[in-house]
Amino acid sequence: MANDLDPRNLIVPRRRITGISAILLPFVSAGQCSGSLRDPSSVRGANHDSFINQIDWPGFDAHVLRTATAGLTPAVNMDTGYGNLLDDATRRVILERTRDLLGGAPFVAGAFVGDSPDSRWSLPSYQRQIEPILACGGTPVIFPSYGLNRLDEAGVVAAHRELARYTDRFIAFELGQMFVPFGRIYELETFQGLMDIPQCIGAKHSSLRRDLEWQRLILRNHVRPDFRVFTGNDLAIDMVMYGSDYLLGLSTFAPEEFARRDRLWEQGDPAFFELNDTLQYLGNFAFREPVPAYKHSAAMFLHLRGWIQSDLTHPSNATRPTTDRPILADIARRLGIETRTVHP
């Protein structure tokens, strides 16, 4: 298939794009919480309430509603929302809050199993994560885990078939190890096996490689045209031109601008390209190494916009230098976004 790959043949003009945006979970300043957010032990040793109080809930609520109003589907408890760093109780509060905010409007949520490198695949562990998502009306996104990754390729498909017995719809998730150590990109045959599961409505692909995603699009077009390939390539957001939809962390920086870009593509408006270029510049800056620090970039950007209380992140997340702020402010200016005064 790689030898036959000509991405020009994949371009779909005037296509309606399905956009899902991973919501950043914002944190309040250290002075407003019960422990130092820069000290990971304050989270590991804290009780449930003290951790809950470290979250900027008004900022979270507003951003979920802002994203849905823009026309994108909110995604909570994803990598952008530190889903793999939260306890079950906090993830459940986020689910319930999202349900209440959206009032029946669709959302998706990460189903994450926090196991260890020596863990085995555990169906009951995934069931426990899927159940509260379904109870709140969300669509589960099946995170990789150490246990899932111990399975061979056929075992991965079999595991997802087991999960399909407990939900009528879910999204599979290929996540590269540049994001998390337990990430995994499947073989193309495994991807086809996932497409063969009726309850699997799509798959998020986060390898940050165009060629692998193009291969999946070609396969999808031949095997199951209704299957959604959700690009997670924040370094190539124009993958939507080739037939991908998206589930991105980058779109949390500017949901309205992403929604406007999507409309321009559907309308055949050449203004799509200039707006996409500027958003891609933001993506390439924010998603540079170390990649997980993009969440700090997002917090800085949203704080510059006045949308959240601080630019702090989860204490276990990598951070960016303060000198990034003027650059982020300049990118915002190019997008026509007003920001607060920046002090380098």
Protein backbone atom coordinates (compact mmCIF):
# COMPACT_ATOMS: atom_id res chain seq x y z
CA MET A 1 0.00 0.00 0.00
CA ALA A 2 2.85 2.40 0.77
CA ASN A 3 4.11 2.10 -2.83
CA ASP A 4 0.69 3.10 -4.16
CA LEU A 5 0.33 6.06 -1.81
CA ASP A 6 -0.42 9.33 -3.58
CA PRO A 7 -2.04 11.69 -1.06
CA ARG A 8 -3.25 14.00 -3.83
CA ASN A 9 -5.85 11.34 -4.64
CA LEU A 10 -7.20 11.52 -1.11
CA ILE A 11 -8.10 15.22 -1.02
CA VAL A 12 -11.85 15.75 -0.54
CA PRO A 13 -12.87 19.35 -1.36
CA ARG A 14 -15.83 20.96 0.40
CA ARG A 15 -16.14 18.13 2.90
CA ARG A 16 -17.93 18.72 6.18
CA ILE A 17 -15.36 18.14 8.91
CA THR A 18 -16.19 16.54 12.26
CA GLY A 19 -14.14 18.28 14.93
CA ILE A 20 -13.64 16.97 18.46
CA SER A 21 -11.60 19.18 20.79
CA ALA A 22 -9.79 17.86 23.85
CA ILE A 23 -10.53 20.22 26.75
CA LEU A 24 -7.59 21.51 28.77
CA LEU A 25 -8.14 21.02 32.50
CA PRO A 26 -7.06 24.37 34.04
CA PHE A 27 -5.57 24.77 37.48
CA VAL A 28 -5.79 27.66 39.92
CA SER A 29 -2.83 29.42 41.50
CA ALA A 30 -0.92 27.73 44.31
CA GLY A 31 -2.16 30.30 46.79
CA GLN A 32 -5.74 29.21 46.22
CA CYS A 33 -5.28 25.51 46.92
CA SER A 34 -4.31 23.37 49.86
CA GLY A 35 -0.86 22.38 48.62
CA SER A 36 1.86 23.58 46.29
CA LEU A 37 0.99 22.68 42.71
CA ARG A 38 4.70 22.51 41.92
CA ASP A 39 5.20 19.75 44.49
CA PRO A 40 3.90 16.44 43.11
CA SER A 41 3.75 14.97 46.62
CA SER A 42 1.03 17.48 47.46
CA VAL A 43 -1.19 15.69 44.94
CA ARG A 44 -0.14 12.14 45.64
CA GLY A 45 -0.65 12.61 49.37
CA ALA A 46 -3.72 14.82 49.13
CA ASN A 47 -7.26 13.68 49.68
CA HIS A 48 -9.90 13.85 46.97
CA ASP A 49 -11.29 17.25 48.00
CA SER A 50 -7.91 18.99 48.13
CA PHE A 51 -7.13 17.90 44.59
CA ILE A 52 -10.57 18.93 43.35
CA ASN A 53 -9.96 22.37 44.82
CA GLN A 54 -6.84 22.82 42.69
CA ILE A 55 -8.92 22.90 39.50
CA ASP A 56 -10.21 26.12 37.94
CA TRP A 57 -13.79 24.92 37.65
CA PRO A 58 -15.27 28.19 36.29
CA GLY A 59 -12.57 28.18 33.61
CA PHE A 60 -13.26 24.53 32.80
CA ASP A 61 -17.03 25.04 32.64
CA ALA A 62 -16.73 28.05 30.36
CA HIS A 63 -14.33 26.28 28.04
CA VAL A 64 -16.55 23.21 27.66
CA LEU A 65 -19.51 25.44 26.78
CA ARG A 66 -17.38 27.66 24.52
CA THR A 67 -16.16 24.61 22.60
CA ALA A 68 -19.65 23.17 22.13
CA THR A 69 -21.06 26.57 21.13
CA ALA A 70 -18.33 26.89 18.49
CA GLY A 71 -19.61 23.66 16.92
CA LEU A 72 -16.92 21.27 18.14
CA THR A 73 -17.57 18.22 20.31
CA PRO A 74 -15.85 18.51 23.72
CA ALA A 75 -13.55 15.67 24.79
CA VAL A 76 -12.77 15.40 28.51
CA ASN A 77 -10.36 13.26 30.51
CA MET A 78 -8.09 13.01 27.49
CA ASP A 79 -4.32 13.58 27.48
CA THR A 80 -4.99 17.35 27.23
CA GLY A 81 -7.15 17.06 30.34
CA TYR A 82 -4.50 15.05 32.24
CA GLY A 83 -6.80 12.04 32.15
CA ASN A 84 -3.91 9.68 32.82
CA LEU A 85 -2.81 11.74 35.85
CA LEU A 86 -6.16 12.04 37.63
CA ASP A 87 -7.77 9.73 40.15
CA ASP A 88 -11.06 8.01 39.39
CA ALA A 89 -13.04 10.35 41.65
CA THR A 90 -11.79 13.46 39.87
CA ARG A 91 -12.47 11.96 36.44
CA ARG A 92 -16.00 11.13 37.56
CA VAL A 93 -16.64 14.69 38.75
CA ILE A 94 -15.45 15.95 35.36
CA LEU A 95 -17.84 13.56 33.59
CA GLU A 96 -20.80 14.60 35.70
CA ARG A 97 -20.00 18.27 35.32
CA THR A 98 -19.67 17.93 31.54
CA ARG A 99 -23.00 16.08 31.34
CA ASP A 100 -24.76 18.80 33.33
CA LEU A 101 -23.16 21.62 31.35
CA LEU A 102 -24.05 20.19 27.94
CA GLY A 103 -27.57 19.09 28.81
CA GLY A 104 -27.61 16.12 26.46
CA ALA A 105 -25.30 17.49 23.76
CA PRO A 106 -22.65 14.98 22.67
CA PHE A 107 -19.22 14.64 24.22
CA VAL A 108 -16.48 12.04 24.35
CA ALA A 109 -14.27 11.03 27.26
CA GLY A 110 -11.10 9.08 27.79
CA ALA A 111 -11.42 5.62 29.36
CA PHE A 112 -8.03 5.30 31.03
CA VAL A 113 -6.69 2.37 33.07
CA GLY A 114 -3.77 3.36 35.25
CA ASP A 115 -1.76 0.16 35.42
CA SER A 116 1.99 -0.58 35.57
CA PRO A 117 4.57 -1.97 33.10
CA ASP A 118 4.12 -5.51 34.45
CA SER A 119 0.31 -5.45 34.31
CA ARG A 120 -1.77 -7.80 32.20
CA TRP A 121 -4.83 -6.93 30.14
CA SER A 122 -7.81 -6.45 32.44
CA LEU A 123 -11.29 -6.32 30.95
CA PRO A 124 -12.91 -5.48 34.33
CA SER A 125 -10.57 -2.48 34.73
CA TYR A 126 -11.69 -1.06 31.40
CA GLN A 127 -15.32 -1.81 32.20
CA ARG A 128 -15.00 0.27 35.37
CA GLN A 129 -13.74 3.22 33.32
CA ILE A 130 -16.32 2.89 30.55
CA GLU A 131 -19.38 2.59 32.79
CA PRO A 132 -19.36 6.13 34.25
CA ILE A 133 -18.79 7.60 30.77
CA LEU A 134 -21.83 5.80 29.43
CA ALA A 135 -23.85 6.70 32.53
CA CYS A 136 -23.17 10.38 31.79
CA GLY A 137 -24.09 10.05 28.11
CA GLY A 138 -20.56 10.23 26.70
CA THR A 139 -18.76 8.17 24.08
CA PRO A 140 -15.70 6.33 25.46
CA VAL A 141 -12.25 6.76 23.89
CA ILE A 142 -10.25 3.64 24.74
CA PHE A 143 -6.85 4.77 26.01
CA PRO A 144 -3.89 2.44 25.59
CA SER A 145 -2.39 0.96 28.74
CA TYR A 146 0.53 -1.24 29.71
CA GLY A 147 -1.79 -4.24 30.00
CA LEU A 148 -3.41 -3.66 26.63
CA ASN A 149 0.02 -3.22 25.06
CA ARG A 150 1.22 -6.61 26.32
CA LEU A 151 -1.23 -8.22 23.91
CA ASP A 152 -0.14 -9.13 20.41
CA GLU A 153 -1.86 -7.51 17.44
CA ALA A 154 -4.64 -10.12 17.26
CA GLY A 155 -5.09 -9.81 21.01
CA VAL A 156 -5.61 -6.06 20.72
CA VAL A 157 -8.50 -6.60 18.31
CA ALA A 158 -9.96 -9.32 20.53
CA ALA A 159 -9.75 -7.03 23.55
CA HIS A 160 -11.69 -4.30 21.73
CA ARG A 161 -14.27 -6.87 20.67
CA GLU A 162 -14.73 -7.74 24.33
CA LEU A 163 -15.22 -4.07 25.18
CA ALA A 164 -17.78 -3.74 22.38
CA ARG A 165 -20.11 -6.01 24.33
CA TYR A 166 -20.54 -3.27 26.93
CA THR A 167 -21.21 -0.24 24.72
CA ASP A 168 -22.93 0.48 21.42
CA ARG A 169 -20.25 2.98 20.35
CA PHE A 170 -16.64 3.75 21.19
CA ILE A 171 -13.53 5.31 19.67
CA ALA A 172 -10.24 3.41 19.53
CA PHE A 173 -7.00 5.26 20.25
CA GLU A 174 -3.53 4.92 18.78
CA LEU A 175 -1.20 7.09 20.86
CA GLY A 176 2.50 7.48 20.16
CA GLN A 177 5.09 7.11 22.91
CA MET A 178 6.16 10.73 22.45
CA PHE A 179 3.00 11.51 24.42
CA VAL A 180 3.01 8.76 27.06
CA PRO A 181 5.29 5.77 27.78
CA PHE A 182 2.42 3.29 27.45
CA GLY A 183 1.44 4.52 23.98
CA ARG A 184 1.21 2.25 20.97
CA ILE A 185 0.66 2.57 17.22
CA TYR A 186 -0.91 -0.58 15.80
CA GLU A 187 -0.09 -2.48 12.65
CA LEU A 188 -2.31 -1.61 9.70
CA GLU A 189 -3.93 -5.06 9.84
CA THR A 190 -4.88 -4.38 13.45
CA PHE A 191 -6.42 -1.07 12.41
CA GLN A 192 -8.54 -2.98 9.89
CA GLY A 193 -9.54 -5.38 12.65
CA LEU A 194 -10.81 -2.44 14.68
CA MET A 195 -12.81 -1.22 11.69
CA ASP A 196 -14.46 -4.64 11.54
CA ILE A 197 -16.03 -4.03 14.97
CA PRO A 198 -19.42 -2.33 14.36
CA GLN A 199 -19.43 -0.55 17.73
CA CYS A 200 -16.05 1.03 16.95
CA ILE A 201 -17.16 4.20 15.16
CA GLY A 202 -13.66 5.58 14.63
CA ALA A 203 -10.09 5.75 15.83
CA LYS A 204 -7.90 8.61 16.97
CA HIS A 205 -4.48 8.32 15.35
CA SER A 206 -1.65 10.13 17.15
CA SER A 207 1.57 8.95 15.56
CA LEU A 208 2.43 12.50 14.33
CA ARG A 209 3.18 10.85 10.97
CA ARG A 210 1.32 11.69 7.80
CA ASP A 211 2.22 8.49 5.95
CA LEU A 212 0.72 6.19 8.58
CA GLU A 213 -2.47 8.24 8.65
CA TRP A 214 -2.73 8.34 4.86
CA GLN A 215 -2.47 4.54 4.85
CA ARG A 216 -5.36 4.35 7.29
CA LEU A 217 -7.45 6.70 5.18
CA ILE A 218 -6.90 4.58 2.06
CA LEU A 219 -7.87 1.46 3.99
CA ARG A 220 -10.92 3.18 5.50
CA ASN A 221 -12.11 4.36 2.10
CA HIS A 222 -11.99 0.80 0.75
CA VAL A 223 -13.25 -1.12 3.77
CA ARG A 224 -15.62 1.04 5.79
CA PRO A 225 -16.28 4.57 4.47
CA ASP A 226 -18.40 5.57 7.49
CA PHE A 227 -15.49 4.90 9.88
CA ARG A 228 -13.92 8.10 11.25
CA VAL A 229 -10.17 8.54 11.24
CA PHE A 230 -9.66 11.24 13.86
CA THR A 231 -6.29 12.82 13.31
CA GLY A 232 -4.31 13.50 16.45
CA ASN A 233 -1.47 15.00 14.43
CA ASP A 234 -1.12 18.48 15.88
CA LEU A 235 1.85 18.99 13.55
CA ALA A 236 -0.26 18.41 10.42
CA ILE A 237 -3.74 19.71 11.06
CA ASP A 238 -4.38 19.93 7.31
CA MET A 239 -4.95 16.17 7.38
CA VAL A 240 -8.63 17.16 7.27
CA MET A 241 -8.07 17.95 3.56
CA TYR A 242 -7.39 14.25 2.93
CA GLY A 243 -10.47 12.86 4.66
CA SER A 244 -9.47 12.78 8.32
CA ASP A 245 -11.66 14.30 10.98
CA TYR A 246 -9.93 15.35 14.19
CA LEU A 247 -9.63 14.87 17.91
CA LEU A 248 -6.94 17.39 18.77
CA GLY A 249 -5.37 19.04 21.78
CA LEU A 250 -4.35 22.02 19.66
CA SER A 251 -7.96 23.01 19.03
CA THR A 252 -8.40 23.72 22.76
CA PHE A 253 -6.23 26.83 22.23
CA ALA A 254 -8.74 28.36 19.79
CA PRO A 255 -11.98 26.38 19.27
CA GLU A 256 -13.77 29.18 17.42
CA GLU A 257 -10.88 29.60 15.01
CA PHE A 258 -10.79 25.85 14.32
CA ALA A 259 -14.54 25.82 13.71
CA ARG A 260 -14.19 28.79 11.34
CA ARG A 261 -11.39 27.01 9.48
CA ASP A 262 -13.59 23.94 9.10
CA ARG A 263 -16.43 26.01 7.67
CA LEU A 264 -14.08 27.66 5.18
CA TRP A 265 -13.04 24.23 3.89
CA GLU A 266 -16.66 23.13 3.51
CA GLN A 267 -17.45 26.35 1.64
CA GLY A 268 -14.46 26.01 -0.67
CA ASP A 269 -13.13 29.34 0.54
CA PRO A 270 -9.38 29.78 -0.10
CA ALA A 271 -9.15 31.71 3.18
CA PHE A 272 -8.97 28.23 4.71
CA PHE A 273 -5.29 27.98 3.84
CA GLU A 274 -4.11 31.18 5.51
CA LEU A 275 -6.03 30.45 8.70
CA ASN A 276 -4.82 26.84 8.69
CA ASP A 277 -1.22 28.04 8.24
CA THR A 278 -1.43 30.27 11.32
CA LEU A 279 -3.06 27.57 13.43
CA GLN A 280 -0.37 25.15 12.24
CA TYR A 281 2.35 27.61 13.27
CA LEU A 282 0.79 27.56 16.73
CA GLY A 283 0.78 23.75 16.66
CA ASN A 284 4.41 23.43 15.64
CA PHE A 285 5.47 25.85 18.37
CA ALA A 286 3.32 24.32 21.11
CA PHE A 287 4.03 20.66 20.27
CA ARG A 288 7.81 20.84 20.08
CA GLU A 289 9.87 18.63 22.39
CA PRO A 290 9.08 17.72 25.08
CA VAL A 291 5.68 17.10 23.52
CA PRO A 292 3.67 16.75 26.79
CA ALA A 293 4.60 20.36 27.63
CA TYR A 294 2.04 21.46 25.01
CA LYS A 295 -0.45 21.47 27.89
CA HIS A 296 1.53 24.26 29.55
CA SER A 297 1.55 26.09 26.22
CA ALA A 298 -2.24 25.72 26.13
CA ALA A 299 -2.57 27.01 29.68
CA MET A 300 -0.39 30.03 28.83
CA PHE A 301 -2.43 30.74 25.69
CA LEU A 302 -5.80 30.46 27.42
CA HIS A 303 -4.53 32.57 30.31
CA LEU A 304 -3.35 35.22 27.86
CA ARG A 305 -6.86 35.19 26.41
CA GLY A 306 -8.30 35.77 29.90
CA TRP A 307 -10.21 32.51 29.79
CA ILE A 308 -8.63 30.76 32.80
CA GLN A 309 -7.31 31.96 36.15
CA SER A 310 -3.66 30.92 35.78
CA ASP A 311 -1.25 29.17 33.44
CA LEU A 312 -0.36 26.45 35.93
CA THR A 313 -0.55 22.79 34.92
CA HIS A 314 -0.85 19.47 36.68
CA PRO A 315 2.30 19.21 38.83
CA SER A 316 3.54 16.12 37.00
CA ASN A 317 3.38 17.79 33.59
CA ALA A 318 6.41 19.19 31.76
CA THR A 319 6.53 22.99 31.53
CA ARG A 320 7.64 25.67 29.07
CA PRO A 321 9.85 28.71 29.72
CA THR A 322 8.15 32.05 30.46
CA THR A 323 9.79 33.44 27.32
CA ASP A 324 7.16 31.52 25.32
CA ARG A 325 4.46 33.99 26.35
CA PRO A 326 5.38 36.83 23.95
CA ILE A 327 5.54 34.35 21.07
CA LEU A 328 2.14 32.93 21.95
CA ALA A 329 0.76 36.47 22.21
CA ASP A 330 2.11 37.24 18.74
CA ILE A 331 0.45 34.14 17.29
CA ALA A 332 -2.79 35.17 18.96
CA ARG A 333 -2.46 38.61 17.33
CA ARG A 334 -2.03 36.95 13.92
CA LEU A 335 -5.27 35.08 14.57
CA GLY A 336 -7.04 38.31 15.47
CA ILE A 337 -7.28 37.34 19.15
CA GLU A 338 -6.93 39.94 21.88
CA THR A 339 -4.64 39.05 24.79
CA ARG A 340 -3.59 40.44 28.12
CA THR A 341 -0.42 42.51 28.46
CA VAL A 342 2.61 40.23 28.33
CA HIS A 343 5.58 40.66 30.64
CA PRO A 344 8.45 38.43 29.38
